[in-house]
Amino acid sequence: MKHRFIFAILMSFVLTFFMSAWVTYLNVGFIQGFTDYWMSAWFLAWPAAGVISFISGPRIHQCAQQISQKL
């Protein structure tokens, strides 16, 4: 359980950090204050992604195993 919690935190951190930068860039471009917009988006996204990762992680892992066994 401890591993699952740490994994969810780290994975959600990395994904939301880069995805929020990308989506912010697509929406507003690289403008003055870009970092402020980006950090605001990331601050809102990370907790949600952490909870989603923690809850859905085991099922997604199981699904990935089933798919990989069929390939």
PDB file of N, CA and C in Angstrom:
ATOM      1  N   MET A   1       0.830  -1.198   0.000  1.00  0.00           N
ATOM      2  CA  MET A   1       0.000   0.000   0.000  1.00  0.00           C
ATOM      3  C   MET A   1       0.873   1.260   0.000  1.00  0.00           C
ATOM      4  N   LYS A   2       1.974   1.230   0.765  1.00  0.00           N
ATOM      5  CA  LYS A   2       2.860   2.388   0.806  1.00  0.00           C
ATOM      6  C   LYS A   2       3.448   2.657  -0.579  1.00  0.00           C
ATOM      7  N   HIS A   3       3.847   1.579  -1.271  1.00  0.00           N
ATOM      8  CA  HIS A   3       4.401   1.722  -2.619  1.00  0.00           C
ATOM      9  C   HIS A   3       3.371   2.331  -3.557  1.00  0.00           C
ATOM     10  N   ARG A   4       2.133   1.871  -3.470  1.00  0.00           N
ATOM     11  CA  ARG A   4       1.062   2.383  -4.337  1.00  0.00           C
ATOM     12  C   ARG A   4       0.827   3.869  -4.107  1.00  0.00           C
ATOM     13  N   PHE A   5       0.872   4.289  -2.866  1.00  0.00           N
ATOM     14  CA  PHE A   5       0.674   5.699  -2.519  1.00  0.00           C
ATOM     15  C   PHE A   5       1.815   6.562  -3.066  1.00  0.00           C
ATOM     16  N   ILE A   6       3.043   6.131  -2.839  1.00  0.00           N
ATOM     17  CA  ILE A   6       4.214   6.879  -3.321  1.00  0.00           C
ATOM     18  C   ILE A   6       4.222   6.928  -4.845  1.00  0.00           C
ATOM     19  N   PHE A   7       3.916   5.804  -5.488  1.00  0.00           N
ATOM     20  CA  PHE A   7       3.865   5.764  -6.941  1.00  0.00           C
ATOM     21  C   PHE A   7       2.825   6.743  -7.481  1.00  0.00           C
ATOM     22  N   ALA A   8       1.644   6.771  -6.874  1.00  0.00           N
ATOM     23  CA  ALA A   8       0.580   7.684  -7.325  1.00  0.00           C
ATOM     24  C   ALA A   8       1.007   9.136  -7.188  1.00  0.00           C
ATOM     25  N   ILE A   9       1.672   9.467  -6.109  1.00  0.00           N
ATOM     26  CA  ILE A   9       2.140  10.845  -5.912  1.00  0.00           C
ATOM     27  C   ILE A   9       3.176  11.218  -6.964  1.00  0.00           C
ATOM     28  N   LEU A  10       4.168  10.356  -7.152  1.00  0.00           N
ATOM     29  CA  LEU A  10       5.245  10.666  -8.102  1.00  0.00           C
ATOM     30  C   LEU A  10       4.756  10.690  -9.549  1.00  0.00           C
ATOM     31  N   MET A  11       3.955   9.707  -9.929  1.00  0.00           N
ATOM     32  CA  MET A  11       3.466   9.653 -11.305  1.00  0.00           C
ATOM     33  C   MET A  11       2.566  10.842 -11.598  1.00  0.00           C
ATOM     34  N   SER A  12       1.688  11.169 -10.678  1.00  0.00           N
ATOM     35  CA  SER A  12       0.794  12.306 -10.911  1.00  0.00           C
ATOM     36  C   SER A  12       1.573  13.616 -10.940  1.00  0.00           C
ATOM     37  N   PHE A  13       2.622  13.710 -10.124  1.00  0.00           N
ATOM     38  CA  PHE A  13       3.455  14.914 -10.135  1.00  0.00           C
ATOM     39  C   PHE A  13       4.079  15.127 -11.505  1.00  0.00           C
ATOM     40  N   VAL A  14       4.732  14.089 -12.007  1.00  0.00           N
ATOM     41  CA  VAL A  14       5.440  14.199 -13.291  1.00  0.00           C
ATOM     42  C   VAL A  14       4.460  14.471 -14.430  1.00  0.00           C
ATOM     43  N   LEU A  15       3.383  13.703 -14.500  1.00  0.00           N
ATOM     44  CA  LEU A  15       2.426  13.879 -15.592  1.00  0.00           C
ATOM     45  C   LEU A  15       1.776  15.260 -15.572  1.00  0.00           C
ATOM     46  N   THR A  16       1.298  15.690 -14.414  1.00  0.00           N
ATOM     47  CA  THR A  16       0.619  16.990 -14.368  1.00  0.00           C
ATOM     48  C   THR A  16       1.592  18.142 -14.561  1.00  0.00           C
ATOM     49  N   PHE A  17       2.821  17.985 -14.101  1.00  0.00           N
ATOM     50  CA  PHE A  17       3.808  19.050 -14.268  1.00  0.00           C
ATOM     51  C   PHE A  17       4.029  19.360 -15.745  1.00  0.00           C
ATOM     52  N   PHE A  18       4.269  18.309 -16.526  1.00  0.00           N
ATOM     53  CA  PHE A  18       4.548  18.520 -17.947  1.00  0.00           C
ATOM     54  C   PHE A  18       3.290  18.759 -18.774  1.00  0.00           C
ATOM     55  N   MET A  19       2.219  18.058 -18.461  1.00  0.00           N
ATOM     56  CA  MET A  19       0.979  18.246 -19.224  1.00  0.00           C
ATOM     57  C   MET A  19       0.381  19.629 -18.985  1.00  0.00           C
ATOM     58  N   SER A  20       0.440  20.120 -17.773  1.00  0.00           N
ATOM     59  CA  SER A  20      -0.084  21.459 -17.519  1.00  0.00           C
ATOM     60  C   SER A  20       0.752  22.517 -18.237  1.00  0.00           C
ATOM     61  N   ALA A  21       2.051  22.292 -18.339  1.00  0.00           N
ATOM     62  CA  ALA A  21       2.898  23.221 -19.109  1.00  0.00           C
ATOM     63  C   ALA A  21       2.494  23.205 -20.575  1.00  0.00           C
ATOM     64  N   TRP A  22       2.302  22.023 -21.122  1.00  0.00           N
ATOM     65  CA  TRP A  22       1.950  21.888 -22.532  1.00  0.00           C
ATOM     66  C   TRP A  22       0.588  22.517 -22.829  1.00  0.00           C
ATOM     67  N   VAL A  23      -0.396  22.208 -22.019  1.00  0.00           N
ATOM     68  CA  VAL A  23      -1.744  22.737 -22.260  1.00  0.00           C
ATOM     69  C   VAL A  23      -1.777  24.251 -22.039  1.00  0.00           C
ATOM     70  N   THR A  24      -1.052  24.737 -21.048  1.00  0.00           N
ATOM     71  CA  THR A  24      -0.975  26.189 -20.839  1.00  0.00           C
ATOM     72  C   THR A  24      -0.335  26.857 -22.046  1.00  0.00           C
ATOM     73  N   TYR A  25       0.727  26.263 -22.549  1.00  0.00           N
ATOM     74  CA  TYR A  25       1.384  26.812 -23.739  1.00  0.00           C
ATOM     75  C   TYR A  25       0.427  26.824 -24.935  1.00  0.00           C
ATOM     76  N   LEU A  26      -0.315  25.749 -25.136  1.00  0.00           N
ATOM     77  CA  LEU A  26      -1.264  25.701 -26.252  1.00  0.00           C
ATOM     78  C   LEU A  26      -2.372  26.741 -26.112  1.00  0.00           C
ATOM     79  N   ASN A  27      -2.799  26.990 -24.886  1.00  0.00           N
ATOM     80  CA  ASN A  27      -3.902  27.931 -24.655  1.00  0.00           C
ATOM     81  C   ASN A  27      -3.490  29.393 -24.706  1.00  0.00           C
ATOM     82  N   VAL A  28      -2.340  29.732 -24.131  1.00  0.00           N
ATOM     83  CA  VAL A  28      -1.965  31.150 -24.046  1.00  0.00           C
ATOM     84  C   VAL A  28      -0.669  31.479 -24.755  1.00  0.00           C
ATOM     85  N   GLY A  29       0.098  30.477 -25.157  1.00  0.00           N
ATOM     86  CA  GLY A  29       1.391  30.725 -25.775  1.00  0.00           C
ATOM     87  C   GLY A  29       2.430  31.052 -24.710  1.00  0.00           C
ATOM     88  N   PHE A  30       3.633  31.316 -25.166  1.00  0.00           N
ATOM     89  CA  PHE A  30       4.712  31.644 -24.228  1.00  0.00           C
ATOM     90  C   PHE A  30       4.710  33.149 -24.012  1.00  0.00           C
ATOM     91  N   ILE A  31       3.826  33.597 -23.129  1.00  0.00           N
ATOM     92  CA  ILE A  31       3.624  35.025 -22.884  1.00  0.00           C
ATOM     93  C   ILE A  31       4.241  35.433 -21.554  1.00  0.00           C
ATOM     94  N   GLN A  32       4.237  36.741 -21.321  1.00  0.00           N
ATOM     95  CA  GLN A  32       4.632  37.263 -20.015  1.00  0.00           C
ATOM     96  C   GLN A  32       3.709  36.657 -18.965  1.00  0.00           C
ATOM     97  N   GLY A  33       4.247  36.124 -17.915  1.00  0.00           N
ATOM     98  CA  GLY A  33       3.444  35.507 -16.872  1.00  0.00           C
ATOM     99  C   GLY A  33       3.094  34.051 -17.135  1.00  0.00           C
ATOM    100  N   PHE A  34       3.706  33.458 -18.159  1.00  0.00           N
ATOM    101  CA  PHE A  34       3.434  32.061 -18.494  1.00  0.00           C
ATOM    102  C   PHE A  34       3.611  31.150 -17.288  1.00  0.00           C
ATOM    103  N   THR A  35       4.702  31.344 -16.567  1.00  0.00           N
ATOM    104  CA  THR A  35       4.986  30.483 -15.415  1.00  0.00           C
ATOM    105  C   THR A  35       3.891  30.579 -14.362  1.00  0.00           C
ATOM    106  N   ASP A  36       3.350  31.774 -14.155  1.00  0.00           N
ATOM    107  CA  ASP A  36       2.259  31.931 -13.184  1.00  0.00           C
ATOM    108  C   ASP A  36       1.018  31.159 -13.618  1.00  0.00           C
ATOM    109  N   TYR A  37       0.659  31.265 -14.890  1.00  0.00           N
ATOM    110  CA  TYR A  37      -0.490  30.504 -15.411  1.00  0.00           C
ATOM    111  C   TYR A  37      -0.246  28.999 -15.287  1.00  0.00           C
ATOM    112  N   TRP A  38       0.963  28.597 -15.649  1.00  0.00           N
ATOM    113  CA  TRP A  38       1.323  27.184 -15.614  1.00  0.00           C
ATOM    114  C   TRP A  38       1.255  26.635 -14.192  1.00  0.00           C
ATOM    115  N   MET A  39       1.866  27.337 -13.245  1.00  0.00           N
ATOM    116  CA  MET A  39       1.879  26.856 -11.876  1.00  0.00           C
ATOM    117  C   MET A  39       0.474  26.826 -11.271  1.00  0.00           C
ATOM    118  N   SER A  40      -0.353  27.761 -11.663  1.00  0.00           N
ATOM    119  CA  SER A  40      -1.745  27.763 -11.205  1.00  0.00           C
ATOM    120  C   SER A  40      -2.476  26.523 -11.716  1.00  0.00           C
ATOM    121  N   ALA A  41      -2.290  26.212 -12.990  1.00  0.00           N
ATOM    122  CA  ALA A  41      -2.917  25.029 -13.584  1.00  0.00           C
ATOM    123  C   ALA A  41      -2.371  23.760 -12.935  1.00  0.00           C
ATOM    124  N   TRP A  42      -1.067  23.712 -12.724  1.00  0.00           N
ATOM    125  CA  TRP A  42      -0.459  22.530 -12.126  1.00  0.00           C
ATOM    126  C   TRP A  42      -0.920  22.330 -10.684  1.00  0.00           C
ATOM    127  N   PHE A  43      -1.009  23.411  -9.934  1.00  0.00           N
ATOM    128  CA  PHE A  43      -1.435  23.339  -8.537  1.00  0.00           C
ATOM    129  C   PHE A  43      -2.843  22.761  -8.415  1.00  0.00           C
ATOM    130  N   LEU A  44      -3.703  23.067  -9.382  1.00  0.00           N
ATOM    131  CA  LEU A  44      -5.064  22.526  -9.369  1.00  0.00           C
ATOM    132  C   LEU A  44      -5.119  21.086  -9.877  1.00  0.00           C
ATOM    133  N   ALA A  45      -4.263  20.753 -10.822  1.00  0.00           N
ATOM    134  CA  ALA A  45      -4.308  19.428 -11.450  1.00  0.00           C
ATOM    135  C   ALA A  45      -3.670  18.334 -10.609  1.00  0.00           C
ATOM    136  N   TRP A  46      -2.604  18.653  -9.905  1.00  0.00           N
ATOM    137  CA  TRP A  46      -1.857  17.608  -9.220  1.00  0.00           C
ATOM    138  C   TRP A  46      -2.669  16.846  -8.167  1.00  0.00           C
ATOM    139  N   PRO A  47      -3.376  17.515  -7.261  1.00  0.00           N
ATOM    140  CA  PRO A  47      -4.144  16.743  -6.273  1.00  0.00           C
ATOM    141  C   PRO A  47      -5.193  15.830  -6.914  1.00  0.00           C
ATOM    142  N   ALA A  48      -5.878  16.339  -7.912  1.00  0.00           N
ATOM    143  CA  ALA A  48      -6.892  15.516  -8.585  1.00  0.00           C
ATOM    144  C   ALA A  48      -6.243  14.306  -9.248  1.00  0.00           C
ATOM    145  N   ALA A  49      -5.134  14.522  -9.938  1.00  0.00           N
ATOM    146  CA  ALA A  49      -4.442  13.423 -10.608  1.00  0.00           C
ATOM    147  C   ALA A  49      -3.898  12.419  -9.599  1.00  0.00           C
ATOM    148  N   GLY A  50      -3.449  12.886  -8.446  1.00  0.00           N
ATOM    149  CA  GLY A  50      -2.951  11.980  -7.425  1.00  0.00           C
ATOM    150  C   GLY A  50      -4.032  11.036  -6.929  1.00  0.00           C
ATOM    151  N   VAL A  51      -5.201  11.585  -6.649  1.00  0.00           N
ATOM    152  CA  VAL A  51      -6.323  10.762  -6.192  1.00  0.00           C
ATOM    153  C   VAL A  51      -6.758   9.789  -7.287  1.00  0.00           C
ATOM    154  N   ILE A  52      -6.862  10.282  -8.502  1.00  0.00           N
ATOM    155  CA  ILE A  52      -7.266   9.427  -9.629  1.00  0.00           C
ATOM    156  C   ILE A  52      -6.253   8.305  -9.836  1.00  0.00           C
ATOM    157  N   SER A  53      -4.966   8.627  -9.768  1.00  0.00           N
ATOM    158  CA  SER A  53      -3.918   7.613  -9.942  1.00  0.00           C
ATOM    159  C   SER A  53      -3.992   6.559  -8.847  1.00  0.00           C
ATOM    160  N   PHE A  54      -4.199   6.999  -7.623  1.00  0.00           N
ATOM    161  CA  PHE A  54      -4.249   6.067  -6.500  1.00  0.00           C
ATOM    162  C   PHE A  54      -5.439   5.118  -6.629  1.00  0.00           C
ATOM    163  N   ILE A  55      -6.579   5.658  -7.013  1.00  0.00           N
ATOM    164  CA  ILE A  55      -7.797   4.852  -7.100  1.00  0.00           C
ATOM    165  C   ILE A  55      -7.791   3.940  -8.328  1.00  0.00           C
ATOM    166  N   SER A  56      -7.415   4.478  -9.473  1.00  0.00           N
ATOM    167  CA  SER A  56      -7.528   3.707 -10.711  1.00  0.00           C
ATOM    168  C   SER A  56      -6.264   2.917 -11.071  1.00  0.00           C
ATOM    169  N   GLY A  57      -5.163   3.184 -10.405  1.00  0.00           N
ATOM    170  CA  GLY A  57      -3.896   2.538 -10.736  1.00  0.00           C
ATOM    171  C   GLY A  57      -3.935   1.022 -10.779  1.00  0.00           C
ATOM    172  N   PRO A  58      -4.440   0.366  -9.736  1.00  0.00           N
ATOM    173  CA  PRO A  58      -4.450  -1.104  -9.759  1.00  0.00           C
ATOM    174  C   PRO A  58      -5.277  -1.683 -10.911  1.00  0.00           C
ATOM    175  N   ARG A  59      -6.409  -1.089 -11.191  1.00  0.00           N
ATOM    176  CA  ARG A  59      -7.260  -1.589 -12.288  1.00  0.00           C
ATOM    177  C   ARG A  59      -6.584  -1.370 -13.639  1.00  0.00           C
ATOM    178  N   ILE A  60      -5.953  -0.234 -13.820  1.00  0.00           N
ATOM    179  CA  ILE A  60      -5.252   0.043 -15.077  1.00  0.00           C
ATOM    180  C   ILE A  60      -4.061  -0.907 -15.231  1.00  0.00           C
ATOM    181  N   HIS A  61      -3.358  -1.172 -14.143  1.00  0.00           N
ATOM    182  CA  HIS A  61      -2.240  -2.125 -14.189  1.00  0.00           C
ATOM    183  C   HIS A  61      -2.743  -3.507 -14.600  1.00  0.00           C
ATOM    184  N   GLN A  62      -3.841  -3.931 -14.035  1.00  0.00           N
ATOM    185  CA  GLN A  62      -4.437  -5.225 -14.371  1.00  0.00           C
ATOM    186  C   GLN A  62      -4.853  -5.262 -15.841  1.00  0.00           C
ATOM    187  N   CYS A  63      -5.456  -4.216 -16.312  1.00  0.00           N
ATOM    188  CA  CYS A  63      -5.892  -4.122 -17.713  1.00  0.00           C
ATOM    189  C   CYS A  63      -4.686  -4.175 -18.651  1.00  0.00           C
ATOM    190  N   ALA A  64      -3.624  -3.473 -18.305  1.00  0.00           N
ATOM    191  CA  ALA A  64      -2.411  -3.474 -19.124  1.00  0.00           C
ATOM    192  C   ALA A  64      -1.800  -4.866 -19.182  1.00  0.00           C
ATOM    193  N   GLN A  65      -1.829  -5.584 -18.066  1.00  0.00           N
ATOM    194  CA  GLN A  65      -1.316  -6.948 -18.051  1.00  0.00           C
ATOM    195  C   GLN A  65      -2.130  -7.850 -18.987  1.00  0.00           C
ATOM    196  N   GLN A  66      -3.442  -7.712 -18.944  1.00  0.00           N
ATOM    197  CA  GLN A  66      -4.302  -8.524 -19.799  1.00  0.00           C
ATOM    198  C   GLN A  66      -4.063  -8.227 -21.273  1.00  0.00           C
ATOM    199  N   ILE A  67      -3.915  -6.964 -21.608  1.00  0.00           N
ATOM    200  CA  ILE A  67      -3.657  -6.573 -22.999  1.00  0.00           C
ATOM    201  C   ILE A  67      -2.301  -7.109 -23.455  1.00  0.00           C
ATOM    202  N   SER A  68      -1.283  -6.955 -22.627  1.00  0.00           N
ATOM    203  CA  SER A  68       0.058  -7.384 -23.025  1.00  0.00           C
ATOM    204  C   SER A  68       0.143  -8.910 -23.180  1.00  0.00           C
ATOM    205  N   GLN A  69      -0.638  -9.639 -22.415  1.00  0.00           N
ATOM    206  CA  GLN A  69      -0.634 -11.091 -22.547  1.00  0.00           C
ATOM    207  C   GLN A  69      -1.286 -11.531 -23.860  1.00  0.00           C
ATOM    208  N   LYS A  70      -2.216 -10.737 -24.366  1.00  0.00           N
ATOM    209  CA  LYS A  70      -2.898 -11.073 -25.618  1.00  0.00           C
ATOM    210  C   LYS A  70      -2.087 -10.686 -26.850  1.00  0.00           C
ATOM    211  N   LEU A  71      -1.139  -9.788 -26.675  1.00  0.00           N
ATOM    212  CA  LEU A  71      -0.344  -9.324 -27.824  1.00  0.00           C
ATOM    213  C   LEU A  71       0.795 -10.261 -28.124  1.00  0.00           C
TER     214      LEU A  71
END
